[in-house]
Amino acid sequence: MTRLRLLIFADALAAGPALSPAEAADVANGKKVYVDKCLRCHGEKGKGDGPKASALPKKALDYTDRKKMAEVPDAQLKQVLLEGNNPMPAYKGRLSNKDVDDVVAYIRSFSAK
């Protein structure tokens, strides 16, 4: 390897591995956003049993269902958060991309237990 390539390689190693959005997420912030925007329907523990859940035309997703949540990729959760899914409102323009990643990480914590 040339000296330049070695320097670039050493720099990359020193920086460490790139983090995925879920790994870089701030779960504490995700919880704050979830409590403000999601809890009313999805419930405190993510079971889809929030105070407004019974008034919904369809059941809110139960985030504690490991099998179901394993079938839902992060990209789909993000899409629903941003674009909505009737009756769930869209949060595009109301939440930052970072907030969306943080909420997804917090939602994932329900099925990780």
PDB file of N, CA and C in Angstrom:
ATOM      1  N   MET A   1       0.840  -1.184   0.000  1.00  0.00           N
ATOM      2  CA  MET A   1       0.000   0.000   0.000  1.00  0.00           C
ATOM      3  C   MET A   1       0.881   1.242   0.000  1.00  0.00           C
ATOM      4  N   THR A   2       0.404   2.232  -0.696  1.00  0.00           N
ATOM      5  CA  THR A   2       1.134   3.487  -0.677  1.00  0.00           C
ATOM      6  C   THR A   2       0.932   4.176   0.668  1.00  0.00           C
ATOM      7  N   ARG A   3       1.778   5.112   0.950  1.00  0.00           N
ATOM      8  CA  ARG A   3       1.700   5.848   2.224  1.00  0.00           C
ATOM      9  C   ARG A   3       0.340   6.558   2.354  1.00  0.00           C
ATOM     10  N   LEU A   4      -0.160   7.151   1.269  1.00  0.00           N
ATOM     11  CA  LEU A   4      -1.437   7.855   1.292  1.00  0.00           C
ATOM     12  C   LEU A   4      -2.579   6.890   1.617  1.00  0.00           C
ATOM     13  N   ARG A   5      -2.561   5.729   0.974  1.00  0.00           N
ATOM     14  CA  ARG A   5      -3.606   4.736   1.249  1.00  0.00           C
ATOM     15  C   ARG A   5      -3.554   4.286   2.707  1.00  0.00           C
ATOM     16  N   LEU A   6      -2.352   4.099   3.233  1.00  0.00           N
ATOM     17  CA  LEU A   6      -2.211   3.703   4.632  1.00  0.00           C
ATOM     18  C   LEU A   6      -2.759   4.771   5.569  1.00  0.00           C
ATOM     19  N   LEU A   7      -2.502   6.020   5.250  1.00  0.00           N
ATOM     20  CA  LEU A   7      -3.006   7.120   6.077  1.00  0.00           C
ATOM     21  C   LEU A   7      -4.534   7.175   6.044  1.00  0.00           C
ATOM     22  N   ILE A   8      -5.100   7.003   4.868  1.00  0.00           N
ATOM     23  CA  ILE A   8      -6.560   7.010   4.737  1.00  0.00           C
ATOM     24  C   ILE A   8      -7.153   5.831   5.506  1.00  0.00           C
ATOM     25  N   PHE A   9      -6.545   4.659   5.376  1.00  0.00           N
ATOM     26  CA  PHE A   9      -7.016   3.466   6.080  1.00  0.00           C
ATOM     27  C   PHE A   9      -6.922   3.657   7.593  1.00  0.00           C
ATOM     28  N   ALA A  10      -5.807   4.195   8.062  1.00  0.00           N
ATOM     29  CA  ALA A  10      -5.620   4.443   9.495  1.00  0.00           C
ATOM     30  C   ALA A  10      -6.637   5.453  10.004  1.00  0.00           C
ATOM     31  N   ASP A  11      -6.923   6.463   9.208  1.00  0.00           N
ATOM     32  CA  ASP A  11      -7.923   7.468   9.572  1.00  0.00           C
ATOM     33  C   ASP A  11      -9.305   6.824   9.716  1.00  0.00           C
ATOM     34  N   ALA A  12      -9.639   5.956   8.781  1.00  0.00           N
ATOM     35  CA  ALA A  12     -10.938   5.279   8.823  1.00  0.00           C
ATOM     36  C   ALA A  12     -11.043   4.386  10.053  1.00  0.00           C
ATOM     37  N   LEU A  13      -9.982   3.687  10.387  1.00  0.00           N
ATOM     38  CA  LEU A  13      -9.981   2.839  11.580  1.00  0.00           C
ATOM     39  C   LEU A  13     -10.121   3.661  12.856  1.00  0.00           C
ATOM     40  N   ALA A  14      -9.446   4.774  12.916  1.00  0.00           N
ATOM     41  CA  ALA A  14      -9.504   5.633  14.101  1.00  0.00           C
ATOM     42  C   ALA A  14     -10.899   6.200  14.299  1.00  0.00           C
ATOM     43  N   ALA A  15     -11.607   6.457  13.220  1.00  0.00           N
ATOM     44  CA  ALA A  15     -12.956   7.010  13.315  1.00  0.00           C
ATOM     45  C   ALA A  15     -13.947   5.975  13.830  1.00  0.00           C
ATOM     46  N   GLY A  16     -13.603   4.711  13.711  1.00  0.00           N
ATOM     47  CA  GLY A  16     -14.498   3.653  14.160  1.00  0.00           C
ATOM     48  C   GLY A  16     -15.527   3.329  13.097  1.00  0.00           C
ATOM     49  N   PRO A  17     -16.335   2.309  13.354  1.00  0.00           N
ATOM     50  CA  PRO A  17     -17.328   1.910  12.360  1.00  0.00           C
ATOM     51  C   PRO A  17     -18.431   2.953  12.253  1.00  0.00           C
ATOM     52  N   ALA A  18     -18.982   3.079  11.056  1.00  0.00           N
ATOM     53  CA  ALA A  18     -20.108   3.999  10.865  1.00  0.00           C
ATOM     54  C   ALA A  18     -21.320   3.457  11.610  1.00  0.00           C
ATOM     55  N   LEU A  19     -22.041   4.337  12.253  1.00  0.00           N
ATOM     56  CA  LEU A  19     -23.224   3.928  12.999  1.00  0.00           C
ATOM     57  C   LEU A  19     -24.447   3.970  12.100  1.00  0.00           C
ATOM     58  N   SER A  20     -25.321   2.977  12.248  1.00  0.00           N
ATOM     59  CA  SER A  20     -26.593   3.016  11.549  1.00  0.00           C
ATOM     60  C   SER A  20     -27.460   4.062  12.233  1.00  0.00           C
ATOM     61  N   PRO A  21     -28.524   4.549  11.584  1.00  0.00           N
ATOM     62  CA  PRO A  21     -29.388   5.532  12.242  1.00  0.00           C
ATOM     63  C   PRO A  21     -29.929   5.036  13.585  1.00  0.00           C
ATOM     64  N   ALA A  22     -30.263   3.749  13.668  1.00  0.00           N
ATOM     65  CA  ALA A  22     -30.789   3.211  14.929  1.00  0.00           C
ATOM     66  C   ALA A  22     -29.728   3.243  16.025  1.00  0.00           C
ATOM     67  N   GLU A  23     -28.476   2.967  15.667  1.00  0.00           N
ATOM     68  CA  GLU A  23     -27.402   2.981  16.658  1.00  0.00           C
ATOM     69  C   GLU A  23     -27.063   4.401  17.096  1.00  0.00           C
ATOM     70  N   ALA A  24     -27.237   5.361  16.193  1.00  0.00           N
ATOM     71  CA  ALA A  24     -26.909   6.748  16.499  1.00  0.00           C
ATOM     72  C   ALA A  24     -28.074   7.471  17.157  1.00  0.00           C
ATOM     73  N   ALA A  25     -29.206   6.807  17.256  1.00  0.00           N
ATOM     74  CA  ALA A  25     -30.421   7.442  17.768  1.00  0.00           C
ATOM     75  C   ALA A  25     -30.325   7.759  19.252  1.00  0.00           C
ATOM     76  N   ASP A  26     -31.055   8.787  19.619  1.00  0.00           N
ATOM     77  CA  ASP A  26     -31.169   9.223  21.003  1.00  0.00           C
ATOM     78  C   ASP A  26     -32.511   8.718  21.528  1.00  0.00           C
ATOM     79  N   VAL A  27     -32.486   7.578  22.210  1.00  0.00           N
ATOM     80  CA  VAL A  27     -33.718   6.937  22.679  1.00  0.00           C
ATOM     81  C   VAL A  27     -34.456   7.829  23.674  1.00  0.00           C
ATOM     82  N   ALA A  28     -33.726   8.575  24.496  1.00  0.00           N
ATOM     83  CA  ALA A  28     -34.370   9.478  25.464  1.00  0.00           C
ATOM     84  C   ALA A  28     -35.179  10.550  24.728  1.00  0.00           C
ATOM     85  N   ASN A  29     -34.616  11.102  23.660  1.00  0.00           N
ATOM     86  CA  ASN A  29     -35.363  12.067  22.857  1.00  0.00           C
ATOM     87  C   ASN A  29     -36.534  11.382  22.173  1.00  0.00           C
ATOM     88  N   GLY A  30     -36.314  10.156  21.685  1.00  0.00           N
ATOM     89  CA  GLY A  30     -37.395   9.395  21.057  1.00  0.00           C
ATOM     90  C   GLY A  30     -38.563   9.205  22.005  1.00  0.00           C
ATOM     91  N   LYS A  31     -38.272   8.964  23.268  1.00  0.00           N
ATOM     92  CA  LYS A  31     -39.339   8.803  24.260  1.00  0.00           C
ATOM     93  C   LYS A  31     -40.112  10.106  24.438  1.00  0.00           C
ATOM     94  N   LYS A  32     -39.406  11.227  24.495  1.00  0.00           N
ATOM     95  CA  LYS A  32     -40.089  12.529  24.640  1.00  0.00           C
ATOM     96  C   LYS A  32     -41.045  12.777  23.481  1.00  0.00           C
ATOM     97  N   VAL A  33     -40.571  12.531  22.260  1.00  0.00           N
ATOM     98  CA  VAL A  33     -41.404  12.741  21.076  1.00  0.00           C
ATOM     99  C   VAL A  33     -42.572  11.758  21.091  1.00  0.00           C
ATOM    100  N   TYR A  34     -42.309  10.507  21.431  1.00  0.00           N
ATOM    101  CA  TYR A  34     -43.354   9.484  21.504  1.00  0.00           C
ATOM    102  C   TYR A  34     -44.444   9.898  22.498  1.00  0.00           C
ATOM    103  N   VAL A  35     -44.043  10.337  23.681  1.00  0.00           N
ATOM    104  CA  VAL A  35     -45.014  10.746  24.705  1.00  0.00           C
ATOM    105  C   VAL A  35     -45.878  11.892  24.172  1.00  0.00           C
ATOM    106  N   ASP A  36     -45.259  12.821  23.451  1.00  0.00           N
ATOM    107  CA  ASP A  36     -45.992  13.973  22.928  1.00  0.00           C
ATOM    108  C   ASP A  36     -46.886  13.627  21.749  1.00  0.00           C
ATOM    109  N   LYS A  37     -46.421  12.765  20.851  1.00  0.00           N
ATOM    110  CA  LYS A  37     -47.127  12.534  19.589  1.00  0.00           C
ATOM    111  C   LYS A  37     -47.817  11.176  19.451  1.00  0.00           C
ATOM    112  N   CYS A  38     -47.363  10.154  20.158  1.00  0.00           N
ATOM    113  CA  CYS A  38     -47.798   8.784  19.874  1.00  0.00           C
ATOM    114  C   CYS A  38     -48.572   8.109  21.009  1.00  0.00           C
ATOM    115  N   LEU A  39     -48.278   8.493  22.226  1.00  0.00           N
ATOM    116  CA  LEU A  39     -48.811   7.810  23.396  1.00  0.00           C
ATOM    117  C   LEU A  39     -50.334   7.752  23.413  1.00  0.00           C
ATOM    118  N   ARG A  40     -50.998   8.809  22.965  1.00  0.00           N
ATOM    119  CA  ARG A  40     -52.472   8.850  23.028  1.00  0.00           C
ATOM    120  C   ARG A  40     -53.114   7.649  22.339  1.00  0.00           C
ATOM    121  N   CYS A  41     -52.514   7.176  21.283  1.00  0.00           N
ATOM    122  CA  CYS A  41     -53.081   6.019  20.573  1.00  0.00           C
ATOM    123  C   CYS A  41     -52.315   4.730  20.854  1.00  0.00           C
ATOM    124  N   HIS A  42     -50.995   4.803  20.873  1.00  0.00           N
ATOM    125  CA  HIS A  42     -50.182   3.595  21.014  1.00  0.00           C
ATOM    126  C   HIS A  42     -49.946   3.186  22.461  1.00  0.00           C
ATOM    127  N   GLY A  43     -50.253   4.058  23.411  1.00  0.00           N
ATOM    128  CA  GLY A  43     -50.159   3.703  24.819  1.00  0.00           C
ATOM    129  C   GLY A  43     -48.784   3.885  25.425  1.00  0.00           C
ATOM    130  N   GLU A  44     -48.757   3.974  26.739  1.00  0.00           N
ATOM    131  CA  GLU A  44     -47.518   4.203  27.479  1.00  0.00           C
ATOM    132  C   GLU A  44     -46.494   3.106  27.248  1.00  0.00           C
ATOM    133  N   LYS A  45     -46.948   1.876  27.132  1.00  0.00           N
ATOM    134  CA  LYS A  45     -46.036   0.745  26.969  1.00  0.00           C
ATOM    135  C   LYS A  45     -46.001   0.231  25.532  1.00  0.00           C
ATOM    136  N   GLY A  46     -46.630   0.975  24.583  1.00  0.00           N
ATOM    137  CA  GLY A  46     -46.567   0.626  23.170  1.00  0.00           C
ATOM    138  C   GLY A  46     -47.478  -0.501  22.735  1.00  0.00           C
ATOM    139  N   LYS A  47     -48.487  -0.822  23.532  1.00  0.00           N
ATOM    140  CA  LYS A  47     -49.363  -1.951  23.220  1.00  0.00           C
ATOM    141  C   LYS A  47     -50.537  -1.590  22.302  1.00  0.00           C
ATOM    142  N   GLY A  48     -50.633  -0.331  21.890  1.00  0.00           N
ATOM    143  CA  GLY A  48     -51.755   0.085  21.041  1.00  0.00           C
ATOM    144  C   GLY A  48     -53.012   0.324  21.855  1.00  0.00           C
ATOM    145  N   ASP A  49     -52.839   0.608  23.138  1.00  0.00           N
ATOM    146  CA  ASP A  49     -53.979   0.750  24.045  1.00  0.00           C
ATOM    147  C   ASP A  49     -54.030   2.112  24.737  1.00  0.00           C
ATOM    148  N   GLY A  50     -53.627   3.147  24.021  1.00  0.00           N
ATOM    149  CA  GLY A  50     -53.634   4.492  24.581  1.00  0.00           C
ATOM    150  C   GLY A  50     -55.040   4.989  24.839  1.00  0.00           C
ATOM    151  N   PRO A  51     -55.186   6.128  25.514  1.00  0.00           N
ATOM    152  CA  PRO A  51     -56.500   6.649  25.874  1.00  0.00           C
ATOM    153  C   PRO A  51     -57.426   6.913  24.684  1.00  0.00           C
ATOM    154  N   LYS A  52     -56.877   7.170  23.505  1.00  0.00           N
ATOM    155  CA  LYS A  52     -57.715   7.411  22.323  1.00  0.00           C
ATOM    156  C   LYS A  52     -57.838   6.183  21.431  1.00  0.00           C
ATOM    157  N   ALA A  53     -57.196   5.093  21.787  1.00  0.00           N
ATOM    158  CA  ALA A  53     -57.153   3.905  20.928  1.00  0.00           C
ATOM    159  C   ALA A  53     -58.534   3.326  20.642  1.00  0.00           C
ATOM    160  N   SER A  54     -59.409   3.320  21.628  1.00  0.00           N
ATOM    161  CA  SER A  54     -60.733   2.709  21.431  1.00  0.00           C
ATOM    162  C   SER A  54     -61.587   3.485  20.428  1.00  0.00           C
ATOM    163  N   ALA A  55     -61.272   4.740  20.179  1.00  0.00           N
ATOM    164  CA  ALA A  55     -62.038   5.547  19.227  1.00  0.00           C
ATOM    165  C   ALA A  55     -61.511   5.427  17.793  1.00  0.00           C
ATOM    166  N   LEU A  56     -60.407   4.714  17.608  1.00  0.00           N
ATOM    167  CA  LEU A  56     -59.811   4.587  16.277  1.00  0.00           C
ATOM    168  C   LEU A  56     -60.598   3.594  15.417  1.00  0.00           C
ATOM    169  N   PRO A  57     -60.678   3.845  14.100  1.00  0.00           N
ATOM    170  CA  PRO A  57     -61.374   2.910  13.216  1.00  0.00           C
ATOM    171  C   PRO A  57     -60.639   1.581  13.032  1.00  0.00           C
ATOM    172  N   LYS A  58     -59.331   1.576  13.305  1.00  0.00           N
ATOM    173  CA  LYS A  58     -58.561   0.324  13.286  1.00  0.00           C
ATOM    174  C   LYS A  58     -57.578   0.358  14.439  1.00  0.00           C
ATOM    175  N   LYS A  59     -57.197  -0.813  14.916  1.00  0.00           N
ATOM    176  CA  LYS A  59     -56.334  -0.915  16.086  1.00  0.00           C
ATOM    177  C   LYS A  59     -54.946  -0.359  15.797  1.00  0.00           C
ATOM    178  N   ALA A  60     -54.437   0.407  16.739  1.00  0.00           N
ATOM    179  CA  ALA A  60     -53.066   0.926  16.635  1.00  0.00           C
ATOM    180  C   ALA A  60     -52.091  -0.248  16.759  1.00  0.00           C
ATOM    181  N   LEU A  61     -50.991  -0.166  16.055  1.00  0.00           N
ATOM    182  CA  LEU A  61     -49.991  -1.227  16.076  1.00  0.00           C
ATOM    183  C   LEU A  61     -49.450  -1.454  17.487  1.00  0.00           C
ATOM    184  N   ASP A  62     -49.352  -2.703  17.878  1.00  0.00           N
ATOM    185  CA  ASP A  62     -48.800  -3.099  19.179  1.00  0.00           C
ATOM    186  C   ASP A  62     -47.299  -3.271  19.000  1.00  0.00           C
ATOM    187  N   TYR A  63     -46.543  -2.311  19.511  1.00  0.00           N
ATOM    188  CA  TYR A  63     -45.094  -2.328  19.349  1.00  0.00           C
ATOM    189  C   TYR A  63     -44.413  -3.376  20.215  1.00  0.00           C
ATOM    190  N   THR A  64     -45.141  -4.009  21.114  1.00  0.00           N
ATOM    191  CA  THR A  64     -44.545  -5.041  21.966  1.00  0.00           C
ATOM    192  C   THR A  64     -44.605  -6.426  21.318  1.00  0.00           C
ATOM    193  N   ASP A  65     -45.325  -6.544  20.220  1.00  0.00           N
ATOM    194  CA  ASP A  65     -45.467  -7.825  19.517  1.00  0.00           C
ATOM    195  C   ASP A  65     -44.185  -8.097  18.725  1.00  0.00           C
ATOM    196  N   ARG A  66     -43.298  -8.894  19.327  1.00  0.00           N
ATOM    197  CA  ARG A  66     -41.983  -9.150  18.714  1.00  0.00           C
ATOM    198  C   ARG A  66     -42.077  -9.713  17.305  1.00  0.00           C
ATOM    199  N   LYS A  67     -42.954 -10.672  17.112  1.00  0.00           N
ATOM    200  CA  LYS A  67     -43.070 -11.319  15.803  1.00  0.00           C
ATOM    201  C   LYS A  67     -43.507 -10.299  14.746  1.00  0.00           C
ATOM    202  N   LYS A  68     -44.533  -9.533  15.056  1.00  0.00           N
ATOM    203  CA  LYS A  68     -45.034  -8.529  14.112  1.00  0.00           C
ATOM    204  C   LYS A  68     -43.981  -7.454  13.856  1.00  0.00           C
ATOM    205  N   MET A  69     -43.340  -6.976  14.915  1.00  0.00           N
ATOM    206  CA  MET A  69     -42.352  -5.912  14.759  1.00  0.00           C
ATOM    207  C   MET A  69     -41.115  -6.372  13.984  1.00  0.00           C
ATOM    208  N   ALA A  70     -40.799  -7.656  14.049  1.00  0.00           N
ATOM    209  CA  ALA A  70     -39.668  -8.193  13.283  1.00  0.00           C
ATOM    210  C   ALA A  70     -39.956  -8.126  11.779  1.00  0.00           C
ATOM    211  N   GLU A  71     -41.236  -8.091  11.425  1.00  0.00           N
ATOM    212  CA  GLU A  71     -41.639  -8.026  10.018  1.00  0.00           C
ATOM    213  C   GLU A  71     -41.707  -6.597   9.488  1.00  0.00           C
ATOM    214  N   VAL A  72     -41.603  -5.621  10.361  1.00  0.00           N
ATOM    215  CA  VAL A  72     -41.734  -4.216   9.959  1.00  0.00           C
ATOM    216  C   VAL A  72     -40.346  -3.566   9.944  1.00  0.00           C
ATOM    217  N   PRO A  73     -39.820  -3.260   8.761  1.00  0.00           N
ATOM    218  CA  PRO A  73     -38.495  -2.623   8.695  1.00  0.00           C
ATOM    219  C   PRO A  73     -38.545  -1.178   9.191  1.00  0.00           C
ATOM    220  N   ASP A  74     -37.410  -0.688   9.661  1.00  0.00           N
ATOM    221  CA  ASP A  74     -37.314   0.706  10.124  1.00  0.00           C
ATOM    222  C   ASP A  74     -37.808   1.678   9.058  1.00  0.00           C
ATOM    223  N   ALA A  75     -37.473   1.408   7.803  1.00  0.00           N
ATOM    224  CA  ALA A  75     -37.874   2.312   6.714  1.00  0.00           C
ATOM    225  C   ALA A  75     -39.400   2.445   6.649  1.00  0.00           C
ATOM    226  N   GLN A  76     -40.113   1.371   6.921  1.00  0.00           N
ATOM    227  CA  GLN A  76     -41.576   1.426   6.897  1.00  0.00           C
ATOM    228  C   GLN A  76     -42.107   2.239   8.080  1.00  0.00           C
ATOM    229  N   LEU A  77     -41.512   2.050   9.264  1.00  0.00           N
ATOM    230  CA  LEU A  77     -41.913   2.852  10.422  1.00  0.00           C
ATOM    231  C   LEU A  77     -41.680   4.335  10.143  1.00  0.00           C
ATOM    232  N   LYS A  78     -40.536   4.653   9.556  1.00  0.00           N
ATOM    233  CA  LYS A  78     -40.223   6.042   9.232  1.00  0.00           C
ATOM    234  C   LYS A  78     -41.222   6.605   8.226  1.00  0.00           C
ATOM    235  N   GLN A  79     -41.541   5.815   7.218  1.00  0.00           N
ATOM    236  CA  GLN A  79     -42.487   6.262   6.190  1.00  0.00           C
ATOM    237  C   GLN A  79     -43.843   6.572   6.808  1.00  0.00           C
ATOM    238  N   VAL A  80     -44.323   5.707   7.693  1.00  0.00           N
ATOM    239  CA  VAL A  80     -45.620   5.930   8.328  1.00  0.00           C
ATOM    240  C   VAL A  80     -45.566   7.170   9.221  1.00  0.00           C
ATOM    241  N   LEU A  81     -44.460   7.343   9.952  1.00  0.00           N
ATOM    242  CA  LEU A  81     -44.323   8.544  10.779  1.00  0.00           C
ATOM    243  C   LEU A  81     -44.360   9.808   9.914  1.00  0.00           C
ATOM    244  N   LEU A  82     -43.690   9.788   8.795  1.00  0.00           N
ATOM    245  CA  LEU A  82     -43.605  10.972   7.948  1.00  0.00           C
ATOM    246  C   LEU A  82     -44.867  11.212   7.120  1.00  0.00           C
ATOM    247  N   GLU A  83     -45.431  10.147   6.563  1.00  0.00           N
ATOM    248  CA  GLU A  83     -46.549  10.298   5.631  1.00  0.00           C
ATOM    249  C   GLU A  83     -47.910  10.011   6.250  1.00  0.00           C
ATOM    250  N   GLY A  84     -47.912   9.416   7.444  1.00  0.00           N
ATOM    251  CA  GLY A  84     -49.170   9.060   8.081  1.00  0.00           C
ATOM    252  C   GLY A  84     -49.737   7.774   7.515  1.00  0.00           C
ATOM    253  N   ASN A  85     -50.778   7.290   8.150  1.00  0.00           N
ATOM    254  CA  ASN A  85     -51.473   6.079   7.712  1.00  0.00           C
ATOM    255  C   ASN A  85     -52.832   6.131   8.394  1.00  0.00           C
ATOM    256  N   ASN A  86     -53.823   6.633   7.700  1.00  0.00           N
ATOM    257  CA  ASN A  86     -55.133   6.905   8.273  1.00  0.00           C
ATOM    258  C   ASN A  86     -55.548   5.866   9.308  1.00  0.00           C
ATOM    259  N   PRO A  87     -55.801   6.263  10.511  1.00  0.00           N
ATOM    260  CA  PRO A  87     -56.073   7.602  11.030  1.00  0.00           C
ATOM    261  C   PRO A  87     -54.834   8.322  11.589  1.00  0.00           C
ATOM    262  N   MET A  88     -53.675   7.701  11.490  1.00  0.00           N
ATOM    263  CA  MET A  88     -52.481   8.336  12.033  1.00  0.00           C
ATOM    264  C   MET A  88     -52.071   9.533  11.176  1.00  0.00           C
ATOM    265  N   PRO A  89     -51.821  10.683  11.826  1.00  0.00           N
ATOM    266  CA  PRO A  89     -51.433  11.864  11.052  1.00  0.00           C
ATOM    267  C   PRO A  89     -49.996  11.773  10.542  1.00  0.00           C
ATOM    268  N   ALA A  90     -49.709  12.557   9.526  1.00  0.00           N
ATOM    269  CA  ALA A  90     -48.354  12.658   8.985  1.00  0.00           C
ATOM    270  C   ALA A  90     -47.567  13.669   9.809  1.00  0.00           C
ATOM    271  N   TYR A  91     -46.302  13.360  10.059  1.00  0.00           N
ATOM    272  CA  TYR A  91     -45.441  14.266  10.813  1.00  0.00           C
ATOM    273  C   TYR A  91     -44.330  14.869   9.963  1.00  0.00           C
ATOM    274  N   LYS A  92     -44.413  14.680   8.645  1.00  0.00           N
ATOM    275  CA  LYS A  92     -43.424  15.289   7.752  1.00  0.00           C
ATOM    276  C   LYS A  92     -43.516  16.797   7.897  1.00  0.00           C
ATOM    277  N   GLY A  93     -42.372  17.435   8.105  1.00  0.00           N
ATOM    278  CA  GLY A  93     -42.348  18.876   8.293  1.00  0.00           C
ATOM    279  C   GLY A  93     -42.621  19.293   9.731  1.00  0.00           C
ATOM    280  N   ARG A  94     -43.097  18.358  10.544  1.00  0.00           N
ATOM    281  CA  ARG A  94     -43.376  18.644  11.960  1.00  0.00           C
ATOM    282  C   ARG A  94     -42.339  17.986  12.869  1.00  0.00           C
ATOM    283  N   LEU A  95     -41.678  16.939  12.355  1.00  0.00           N
ATOM    284  CA  LEU A  95     -40.593  16.269  13.078  1.00  0.00           C
ATOM    285  C   LEU A  95     -39.356  16.281  12.193  1.00  0.00           C
ATOM    286  N   SER A  96     -38.203  16.465  12.805  1.00  0.00           N
ATOM    287  CA  SER A  96     -36.951  16.394  12.048  1.00  0.00           C
ATOM    288  C   SER A  96     -36.632  14.930  11.739  1.00  0.00           C
ATOM    289  N   ASN A  97     -35.737  14.708  10.785  1.00  0.00           N
ATOM    290  CA  ASN A  97     -35.307  13.340  10.479  1.00  0.00           C
ATOM    291  C   ASN A  97     -34.692  12.691  11.714  1.00  0.00           C
ATOM    292  N   LYS A  98     -33.957  13.466  12.495  1.00  0.00           N
ATOM    293  CA  LYS A  98     -33.341  12.963  13.726  1.00  0.00           C
ATOM    294  C   LYS A  98     -34.424  12.525  14.713  1.00  0.00           C
ATOM    295  N   ASP A  99     -35.472  13.342  14.882  1.00  0.00           N
ATOM    296  CA  ASP A  99     -36.571  12.966  15.773  1.00  0.00           C
ATOM    297  C   ASP A  99     -37.236  11.675  15.313  1.00  0.00           C
ATOM    298  N   VAL A 100     -37.411  11.531  14.000  1.00  0.00           N
ATOM    299  CA  VAL A 100     -38.019  10.312  13.454  1.00  0.00           C
ATOM    300  C   VAL A 100     -37.141   9.099  13.772  1.00  0.00           C
ATOM    301  N   ASP A 101     -35.836   9.214  13.551  1.00  0.00           N
ATOM    302  CA  ASP A 101     -34.922   8.111  13.880  1.00  0.00           C
ATOM    303  C   ASP A 101     -34.975   7.793  15.378  1.00  0.00           C
ATOM    304  N   ASP A 102     -35.052   8.826  16.200  1.00  0.00           N
ATOM    305  CA  ASP A 102     -35.109   8.627  17.646  1.00  0.00           C
ATOM    306  C   ASP A 102     -36.395   7.920  18.062  1.00  0.00           C
ATOM    307  N   VAL A 103     -37.517   8.299  17.466  1.00  0.00           N
ATOM    308  CA  VAL A 103     -38.796   7.651  17.780  1.00  0.00           C
ATOM    309  C   VAL A 103     -38.765   6.189  17.347  1.00  0.00           C
ATOM    310  N   VAL A 104     -38.229   5.927  16.177  1.00  0.00           N
ATOM    311  CA  VAL A 104     -38.132   4.539  15.703  1.00  0.00           C
ATOM    312  C   VAL A 104     -37.297   3.714  16.684  1.00  0.00           C
ATOM    313  N   ALA A 105     -36.193   4.248  17.142  1.00  0.00           N
ATOM    314  CA  ALA A 105     -35.361   3.528  18.120  1.00  0.00           C
ATOM    315  C   ALA A 105     -36.143   3.287  19.413  1.00  0.00           C
ATOM    316  N   TYR A 106     -36.906   4.276  19.858  1.00  0.00           N
ATOM    317  CA  TYR A 106     -37.708   4.106  21.077  1.00  0.00           C
ATOM    318  C   TYR A 106     -38.798   3.058  20.858  1.00  0.00           C
ATOM    319  N   ILE A 107     -39.461   3.105  19.714  1.00  0.00           N
ATOM    320  CA  ILE A 107     -40.494   2.112  19.386  1.00  0.00           C
ATOM    321  C   ILE A 107     -39.887   0.709  19.408  1.00  0.00           C
ATOM    322  N   ARG A 108     -38.697   0.562  18.849  1.00  0.00           N
ATOM    323  CA  ARG A 108     -38.024  -0.746  18.837  1.00  0.00           C
ATOM    324  C   ARG A 108     -37.729  -1.250  20.255  1.00  0.00           C
ATOM    325  N   SER A 109     -37.556  -0.334  21.180  1.00  0.00           N
ATOM    326  CA  SER A 109     -37.248  -0.754  22.561  1.00  0.00           C
ATOM    327  C   SER A 109     -38.416  -1.516  23.191  1.00  0.00           C
ATOM    328  N   PHE A 110     -39.640  -1.290  22.725  1.00  0.00           N
ATOM    329  CA  PHE A 110     -40.793  -2.005  23.274  1.00  0.00           C
ATOM    330  C   PHE A 110     -40.743  -3.501  22.975  1.00  0.00           C
ATOM    331  N   SER A 111     -40.283  -3.861  21.796  1.00  0.00           N
ATOM    332  CA  SER A 111     -40.248  -5.282  21.426  1.00  0.00           C
ATOM    333  C   SER A 111     -38.907  -5.926  21.756  1.00  0.00           C
ATOM    334  N   ALA A 112     -37.971  -5.154  22.243  1.00  0.00           N
ATOM    335  CA  ALA A 112     -36.657  -5.698  22.608  1.00  0.00           C
ATOM    336  C   ALA A 112     -36.647  -6.268  24.016  1.00  0.00           C
ATOM    337  N   LYS A 113     -37.681  -5.989  24.774  1.00  0.00           N
ATOM    338  CA  LYS A 113     -37.734  -6.409  26.178  1.00  0.00           C
ATOM    339  C   LYS A 113     -38.115  -7.864  26.314  1.00  0.00           C
TER     340      LYS A 113
END
